[in-house]
Structures are given as structure tokens and as C-alpha cells.
């Protein structure tokens, strides 16, 4: 096996799981769990913002984010998505934090 081939395979598996969690698994659970968000892009926002600890697009400059974010951040986002799917974690709080980071960013940019 070529050097780095395992890393590429691991990255591809993470990306596939990311897409499955955010496009299928979490949105399918949203109604029954009465989550404040339902759309795939909202789950992606919350998970990525939480993983990087701020507004994700201030950290990841290329799109789509899941392809260009650092592997450790993507792994954190996937782990968080798994936890939410398993019924652990506070999606309401994570969503509020994500929105707070975005409001603060908007304020920062208005002052600049």
C-alpha cells in the first residue's frame, strides 16, 4: 500500500459518514426529537461551527467545507453528529452557540 493511502481511505470514510449523518440521519430524527433545526445545511453549520469553535467559514476558506476542513475538525464534527444521533448532546444549546458566534461575527465586521 502506498504511503498515505490509509489516510486517504480514512478521510473518504469520514466524508461519507459526514454526508450520511447531515443529509439523512439527523434530519430524519429532527421531528421526533423536536429539534430546533431540520435542514441538512443547518446540521452542517452547527457541527462545523462547534468543531472549529467559531464560524466555520472563517477557518475553512474553500468549499465544500467537508472536503477542505482539517481532518481532525471533520472527525470532531462527525463524532458530535454520532452523539446527537445516539441521543446524547444538547442540540438546542449547540445551535444557540453557533448563532451567537455568527451574530458576534456580523458585529465584528460592522465595526471593521
C-alpha atoms as a PDB file:
ATOM      1  CA  UNK A   1       0.000   0.000   0.000  1.00  0.00           C
ATOM      2  CA  UNK A   2       1.304   3.446  -0.896  1.00  0.00           C
ATOM      3  CA  UNK A   3       2.216   5.816   1.900  1.00  0.00           C
ATOM      4  CA  UNK A   4      -0.817   7.898   2.820  1.00  0.00           C
ATOM      5  CA  UNK A   5      -3.298   5.528   1.154  1.00  0.00           C
ATOM      6  CA  UNK A   6      -4.776   4.566   4.549  1.00  0.00           C
ATOM      7  CA  UNK A   7      -5.182   8.224   5.448  1.00  0.00           C
ATOM      8  CA  UNK A   8      -6.997   8.872   2.152  1.00  0.00           C
ATOM      9  CA  UNK A   9      -9.311   5.929   2.816  1.00  0.00           C
ATOM     10  CA  UNK A  10      -9.970   7.143   6.378  1.00  0.00           C
ATOM     11  CA  UNK A  11     -10.687  10.652   5.091  1.00  0.00           C
ATOM     12  CA  UNK A  12     -13.057   9.296   2.442  1.00  0.00           C
ATOM     13  CA  UNK A  13     -14.885   7.256   5.106  1.00  0.00           C
ATOM     14  CA  UNK A  14     -15.209  10.348   7.316  1.00  0.00           C
ATOM     15  CA  UNK A  15     -16.591  12.398   4.432  1.00  0.00           C
ATOM     16  CA  UNK A  16     -19.091   9.666   3.542  1.00  0.00           C
ATOM     17  CA  UNK A  17     -20.245   9.417   7.145  1.00  0.00           C
ATOM     18  CA  UNK A  18     -20.479  13.205   7.367  1.00  0.00           C
ATOM     19  CA  UNK A  19     -22.779  13.331   4.375  1.00  0.00           C
ATOM     20  CA  UNK A  20     -24.917  10.464   5.666  1.00  0.00           C
ATOM     21  CA  UNK A  21     -25.255  11.996   9.137  1.00  0.00           C
ATOM     22  CA  UNK A  22     -26.038  15.513   7.977  1.00  0.00           C
ATOM     23  CA  UNK A  23     -28.159  14.734   4.924  1.00  0.00           C
ATOM     24  CA  UNK A  24     -30.082  11.670   6.106  1.00  0.00           C
ATOM     25  CA  UNK A  25     -29.683  10.554   9.726  1.00  0.00           C
ATOM     26  CA  UNK A  26     -30.002  13.807  11.680  1.00  0.00           C
ATOM     27  CA  UNK A  27     -32.751  15.376   9.541  1.00  0.00           C
ATOM     28  CA  UNK A  28     -34.753  12.131   9.860  1.00  0.00           C
ATOM     29  CA  UNK A  29     -34.553  12.382  13.672  1.00  0.00           C
ATOM     30  CA  UNK A  30     -35.356  16.089  13.899  1.00  0.00           C
ATOM     31  CA  UNK A  31     -39.140  15.926  14.001  1.00  0.00           C
ATOM     32  CA  UNK A  32     -39.457  13.172  16.571  1.00  0.00           C
ATOM     33  CA  UNK A  33     -36.875  14.820  18.823  1.00  0.00           C
ATOM     34  CA  UNK A  34     -38.365  18.283  18.371  1.00  0.00           C
ATOM     35  CA  UNK A  35     -35.022  19.756  17.425  1.00  0.00           C
ATOM     36  CA  UNK A  36     -34.868  23.450  16.539  1.00  0.00           C
ATOM     37  CA  UNK A  37     -33.340  22.682  13.127  1.00  0.00           C
ATOM     38  CA  UNK A  38     -34.354  20.274  10.382  1.00  0.00           C
ATOM     39  CA  UNK A  39     -32.360  21.072   7.228  1.00  0.00           C
ATOM     40  CA  UNK A  40     -29.093  19.395   6.307  1.00  0.00           C
ATOM     41  CA  UNK A  41     -27.209  22.680   5.949  1.00  0.00           C
ATOM     42  CA  UNK A  42     -28.271  23.697   9.472  1.00  0.00           C
ATOM     43  CA  UNK A  43     -26.849  20.490  10.939  1.00  0.00           C
ATOM     44  CA  UNK A  44     -23.679  21.080   8.948  1.00  0.00           C
ATOM     45  CA  UNK A  45     -23.437  24.643  10.290  1.00  0.00           C
ATOM     46  CA  UNK A  46     -23.859  23.602  13.907  1.00  0.00           C
ATOM     47  CA  UNK A  47     -21.468  20.657  13.730  1.00  0.00           C
ATOM     48  CA  UNK A  48     -18.744  22.522  11.847  1.00  0.00           C
ATOM     49  CA  UNK A  49     -19.008  25.656  13.985  1.00  0.00           C
ATOM     50  CA  UNK A  50     -18.778  23.524  17.125  1.00  0.00           C
ATOM     51  CA  UNK A  51     -15.794  21.581  15.801  1.00  0.00           C
ATOM     52  CA  UNK A  52     -13.789  24.724  14.996  1.00  0.00           C
ATOM     53  CA  UNK A  53     -15.093  26.747  17.957  1.00  0.00           C
ATOM     54  CA  UNK A  54     -16.296  29.634  15.816  1.00  0.00           C
ATOM     55  CA  UNK A  55     -17.942  30.370  12.478  1.00  0.00           C
ATOM     56  CA  UNK A  56     -16.581  27.609  10.257  1.00  0.00           C
ATOM     57  CA  UNK A  57     -16.118  29.719   7.147  1.00  0.00           C
ATOM     58  CA  UNK A  58     -13.618  31.909   8.989  1.00  0.00           C
ATOM     59  CA  UNK A  59     -11.486  28.754   9.353  1.00  0.00           C
ATOM     60  CA  UNK A  60     -12.242  26.841   6.145  1.00  0.00           C
ATOM     61  CA  UNK A  61     -11.829  29.056   3.108  1.00  0.00           C
ATOM     62  CA  UNK A  62     -12.661  26.600   0.321  1.00  0.00           C
ATOM     63  CA  UNK A  63     -15.959  24.924  -0.457  1.00  0.00           C
ATOM     64  CA  UNK A  64     -17.444  22.471   0.137  1.00  0.00           C
ATOM     65  CA  UNK A  65     -16.232  22.704   3.713  1.00  0.00           C
ATOM     66  CA  UNK A  66     -16.284  18.972   4.443  1.00  0.00           C
ATOM     67  CA  UNK A  67     -13.764  18.408   1.634  1.00  0.00           C
ATOM     68  CA  UNK A  68     -11.313  21.082   2.779  1.00  0.00           C
ATOM     69  CA  UNK A  69     -11.627  21.228   6.570  1.00  0.00           C
ATOM     70  CA  UNK A  70      -8.748  19.728   8.557  1.00  0.00           C
ATOM     71  CA  UNK A  71      -9.285  16.028   9.162  1.00  0.00           C
ATOM     72  CA  UNK A  72      -9.251  16.413  12.948  1.00  0.00           C
ATOM     73  CA  UNK A  73     -12.039  19.028  12.764  1.00  0.00           C
ATOM     74  CA  UNK A  74     -14.071  16.813  10.445  1.00  0.00           C
ATOM     75  CA  UNK A  75     -13.592  13.886  12.830  1.00  0.00           C
ATOM     76  CA  UNK A  76     -14.810  16.057  15.732  1.00  0.00           C
ATOM     77  CA  UNK A  77     -17.865  17.123  13.732  1.00  0.00           C
ATOM     78  CA  UNK A  78     -18.657  13.502  12.817  1.00  0.00           C
ATOM     79  CA  UNK A  79     -18.234  12.398  16.435  1.00  0.00           C
ATOM     80  CA  UNK A  80     -20.621  15.131  17.537  1.00  0.00           C
ATOM     81  CA  UNK A  81     -23.125  14.076  14.884  1.00  0.00           C
ATOM     82  CA  UNK A  82     -22.890  10.474  16.075  1.00  0.00           C
ATOM     83  CA  UNK A  83     -23.503  11.616  19.665  1.00  0.00           C
ATOM     84  CA  UNK A  84     -26.564  13.598  18.669  1.00  0.00           C
ATOM     85  CA  UNK A  85     -27.915  10.669  16.666  1.00  0.00           C
ATOM     86  CA  UNK A  86     -27.414   8.436  19.710  1.00  0.00           C
ATOM     87  CA  UNK A  87     -29.461  10.833  21.851  1.00  0.00           C
ATOM     88  CA  UNK A  88     -26.534  12.471  23.621  1.00  0.00           C
ATOM     89  CA  UNK A  89     -25.733  16.148  23.463  1.00  0.00           C
ATOM     90  CA  UNK A  90     -27.667  19.380  23.561  1.00  0.00           C
ATOM     91  CA  UNK A  91     -28.539  20.373  20.011  1.00  0.00           C
ATOM     92  CA  UNK A  92     -30.558  23.359  21.252  1.00  0.00           C
ATOM     93  CA  UNK A  93     -27.511  24.712  23.068  1.00  0.00           C
ATOM     94  CA  UNK A  94     -25.146  23.970  20.195  1.00  0.00           C
ATOM     95  CA  UNK A  95     -27.461  25.720  17.762  1.00  0.00           C
ATOM     96  CA  UNK A  96     -27.703  28.773  20.046  1.00  0.00           C
ATOM     97  CA  UNK A  97     -23.908  28.889  20.370  1.00  0.00           C
ATOM     98  CA  UNK A  98     -23.485  28.680  16.604  1.00  0.00           C
ATOM     99  CA  UNK A  99     -25.952  31.503  16.072  1.00  0.00           C
ATOM    100  CA  UNK A 100     -24.222  33.578  18.792  1.00  0.00           C
ATOM    101  CA  UNK A 101     -20.862  33.165  17.011  1.00  0.00           C
ATOM    102  CA  UNK A 102     -22.498  34.323  13.795  1.00  0.00           C
ATOM    103  CA  UNK A 103     -24.083  37.378  15.429  1.00  0.00           C
ATOM    104  CA  UNK A 104     -20.739  38.279  17.012  1.00  0.00           C
ATOM    105  CA  UNK A 105     -19.017  37.871  13.637  1.00  0.00           C
ATOM    106  CA  UNK A 106     -21.555  40.171  11.994  1.00  0.00           C
ATOM    107  CA  UNK A 107     -20.968  42.763  14.727  1.00  0.00           C
ATOM    108  CA  UNK A 108     -17.176  42.469  14.328  1.00  0.00           C
ATOM    109  CA  UNK A 109     -17.452  43.045  10.600  1.00  0.00           C
ATOM    110  CA  UNK A 110     -19.754  46.053  11.042  1.00  0.00           C
ATOM    111  CA  UNK A 111     -17.156  47.659  13.327  1.00  0.00           C
ATOM    112  CA  UNK A 112     -14.208  46.928  10.997  1.00  0.00           C
END
